[in-house]
Every structure is written in C-alpha cells, then in structure tokens.
C-alpha atoms as a PDB file:
ATOM      1  CA  UNK A   1     -36.709 -22.698  -3.602  1.00  0.00           C
ATOM      2  CA  UNK A   2     -37.391 -21.458  -0.046  1.00  0.00           C
ATOM      3  CA  UNK A   3     -41.534 -22.297  -1.204  1.00  0.00           C
ATOM      4  CA  UNK A   4     -40.415 -25.837  -1.808  1.00  0.00           C
ATOM      5  CA  UNK A   5     -38.506 -26.076   1.333  1.00  0.00           C
ATOM      6  CA  UNK A   6     -39.711 -24.289   4.279  1.00  0.00           C
ATOM      7  CA  UNK A   7     -36.893 -22.969   6.268  1.00  0.00           C
ATOM      8  CA  UNK A   8     -34.382 -23.516   3.589  1.00  0.00           C
ATOM      9  CA  UNK A   9     -33.361 -19.447   4.110  1.00  0.00           C
ATOM     10  CA  UNK A  10     -32.486 -20.222   7.615  1.00  0.00           C
ATOM     11  CA  UNK A  11     -30.006 -22.981   7.220  1.00  0.00           C
ATOM     12  CA  UNK A  12     -28.567 -21.213   4.579  1.00  0.00           C
ATOM     13  CA  UNK A  13     -27.898 -18.281   6.629  1.00  0.00           C
ATOM     14  CA  UNK A  14     -26.689 -20.480   9.337  1.00  0.00           C
ATOM     15  CA  UNK A  15     -24.577 -22.795   7.563  1.00  0.00           C
ATOM     16  CA  UNK A  16     -23.523 -21.564   4.097  1.00  0.00           C
ATOM     17  CA  UNK A  17     -22.801 -17.860   5.418  1.00  0.00           C
ATOM     18  CA  UNK A  18     -20.011 -18.481   7.687  1.00  0.00           C
ATOM     19  CA  UNK A  19     -18.474 -20.978   5.950  1.00  0.00           C
ATOM     20  CA  UNK A  20     -18.324 -18.375   2.847  1.00  0.00           C
ATOM     21  CA  UNK A  21     -17.391 -15.510   5.054  1.00  0.00           C
ATOM     22  CA  UNK A  22     -14.597 -17.033   6.804  1.00  0.00           C
ATOM     23  CA  UNK A  23     -13.120 -18.257   3.634  1.00  0.00           C
ATOM     24  CA  UNK A  24     -13.233 -15.125   2.092  1.00  0.00           C
ATOM     25  CA  UNK A  25     -11.410 -13.419   4.703  1.00  0.00           C
ATOM     26  CA  UNK A  26      -9.018 -16.117   5.158  1.00  0.00           C
ATOM     27  CA  UNK A  27      -8.271 -15.266   1.126  1.00  0.00           C
ATOM     28  CA  UNK A  28      -7.887 -11.859   1.631  1.00  0.00           C
ATOM     29  CA  UNK A  29      -5.918 -11.799   4.637  1.00  0.00           C
ATOM     30  CA  UNK A  30      -3.308 -14.402   3.172  1.00  0.00           C
ATOM     31  CA  UNK A  31      -3.453 -11.873  -0.344  1.00  0.00           C
ATOM     32  CA  UNK A  32      -2.494  -9.263   2.006  1.00  0.00           C
ATOM     33  CA  UNK A  33       0.313 -11.138   3.920  1.00  0.00           C
ATOM     34  CA  UNK A  34       2.001 -12.171   0.446  1.00  0.00           C
ATOM     35  CA  UNK A  35       1.764  -8.651  -1.292  1.00  0.00           C
ATOM     36  CA  UNK A  36       3.340  -7.044   2.262  1.00  0.00           C
ATOM     37  CA  UNK A  37       6.149  -9.661   2.204  1.00  0.00           C
ATOM     38  CA  UNK A  38       7.280  -8.870  -1.349  1.00  0.00           C
ATOM     39  CA  UNK A  39       7.208  -5.426  -1.320  1.00  0.00           C
ATOM     40  CA  UNK A  40       9.243  -2.948   0.160  1.00  0.00           C
ATOM     41  CA  UNK A  41       8.010   0.572  -0.013  1.00  0.00           C
ATOM     42  CA  UNK A  42      11.413   2.532   0.886  1.00  0.00           C
ATOM     43  CA  UNK A  43      13.670   0.741  -1.019  1.00  0.00           C
ATOM     44  CA  UNK A  44      14.116   3.167  -3.781  1.00  0.00           C
ATOM     45  CA  UNK A  45      12.463   0.924  -6.670  1.00  0.00           C
ATOM     46  CA  UNK A  46      10.283   2.412  -9.632  1.00  0.00           C
ATOM     47  CA  UNK A  47       6.842   2.169  -7.637  1.00  0.00           C
ATOM     48  CA  UNK A  48       8.254   3.113  -4.181  1.00  0.00           C
ATOM     49  CA  UNK A  49       7.886   6.132  -2.024  1.00  0.00           C
ATOM     50  CA  UNK A  50      10.132   8.867  -3.399  1.00  0.00           C
ATOM     51  CA  UNK A  51      11.801   9.192   0.605  1.00  0.00           C
ATOM     52  CA  UNK A  52      15.115  10.593  -1.233  1.00  0.00           C
ATOM     53  CA  UNK A  53      13.571  13.580  -3.070  1.00  0.00           C
ATOM     54  CA  UNK A  54      11.170  13.991   0.419  1.00  0.00           C
ATOM     55  CA  UNK A  55      14.478  14.278   1.949  1.00  0.00           C
ATOM     56  CA  UNK A  56      16.339  16.325  -0.587  1.00  0.00           C
ATOM     57  CA  UNK A  57      12.989  18.938  -0.302  1.00  0.00           C
ATOM     58  CA  UNK A  58      13.242  18.992   3.761  1.00  0.00           C
ATOM     59  CA  UNK A  59      17.032  19.462   3.756  1.00  0.00           C
ATOM     60  CA  UNK A  60      16.621  22.401   0.921  1.00  0.00           C
ATOM     61  CA  UNK A  61      13.942  24.087   3.276  1.00  0.00           C
ATOM     62  CA  UNK A  62      15.758  24.087   6.339  1.00  0.00           C
ATOM     63  CA  UNK A  63      19.031  25.052   4.889  1.00  0.00           C
ATOM     64  CA  UNK A  64      16.895  28.337   3.406  1.00  0.00           C
ATOM     65  CA  UNK A  65      15.853  29.073   6.833  1.00  0.00           C
ATOM     66  CA  UNK A  66      19.184  30.887   8.260  1.00  0.00           C
ATOM     67  CA  UNK A  67      19.748  31.934   4.835  1.00  0.00           C
ATOM     68  CA  UNK A  68      22.497  29.374   3.516  1.00  0.00           C
ATOM     69  CA  UNK A  69      23.572  30.131  -0.392  1.00  0.00           C
ATOM     70  CA  UNK A  70      25.113  26.722  -0.670  1.00  0.00           C
ATOM     71  CA  UNK A  71      22.121  24.528  -1.353  1.00  0.00           C
ATOM     72  CA  UNK A  72      22.048  21.004  -2.711  1.00  0.00           C
ATOM     73  CA  UNK A  73      20.298  20.438  -6.146  1.00  0.00           C
ATOM     74  CA  UNK A  74      16.648  19.067  -6.055  1.00  0.00           C
ATOM     75  CA  UNK A  75      16.625  15.638  -7.532  1.00  0.00           C
ATOM     76  CA  UNK A  76      15.062  15.155 -10.892  1.00  0.00           C
ATOM     77  CA  UNK A  77      13.709  12.109 -12.267  1.00  0.00           C
ATOM     78  CA  UNK A  78      15.102  10.221 -15.029  1.00  0.00           C
ATOM     79  CA  UNK A  79      12.429   7.971 -17.153  1.00  0.00           C
ATOM     80  CA  UNK A  80       9.720   9.128 -14.626  1.00  0.00           C
ATOM     81  CA  UNK A  81      12.009   7.453 -11.667  1.00  0.00           C
ATOM     82  CA  UNK A  82      13.659   9.485  -9.203  1.00  0.00           C
ATOM     83  CA  UNK A  83      16.929   7.956  -8.338  1.00  0.00           C
ATOM     84  CA  UNK A  84      19.194   9.078  -5.716  1.00  0.00           C
ATOM     85  CA  UNK A  85      22.487  10.355  -6.914  1.00  0.00           C
END
C-alpha cells in the first residue's frame, strides 16, 4: 500500500492512530468507572477484602501482647467465605 501511495504511512500515523488511541483510552476509562461504581470492596460479599478477619487477627495479636487469656476466636470460613459472626 505504501508503494502505491507514497506518504500513506505518514498520513495514517498522523490521522488514524490518534483517533484509535483516544477512543481506546476512552473505552478503558469508561469501563473502569463502571466497574468501580458497582463494586464495593469492603461490604463483606464473597469476593471482597476479608477486612473482618484481618481486624480480628490484629485484635487477637494485640490482646496477646500483655498476656490476656480471654481471646476472641478467629473467624472460620463457611463454604470458603468468611462471614462476620
């Protein structure tokens, strides 16, 4: 194609590539915005961050330091999901 139309590749780079690049970035931005609005990582759903388990582990470790004996139990998963009891 470049042999039949000299300078074709320069016009493609100047015109075609930025249009593709801008539309691609716009698509990525919109996709991430939509996913980010629907997903709340700390609400306790199956795929969320196990914040309750992390909180309980830190609490147990802090209570062990001064030698406290009455410690809360660790959270155990039920069907591979950790629920806050």
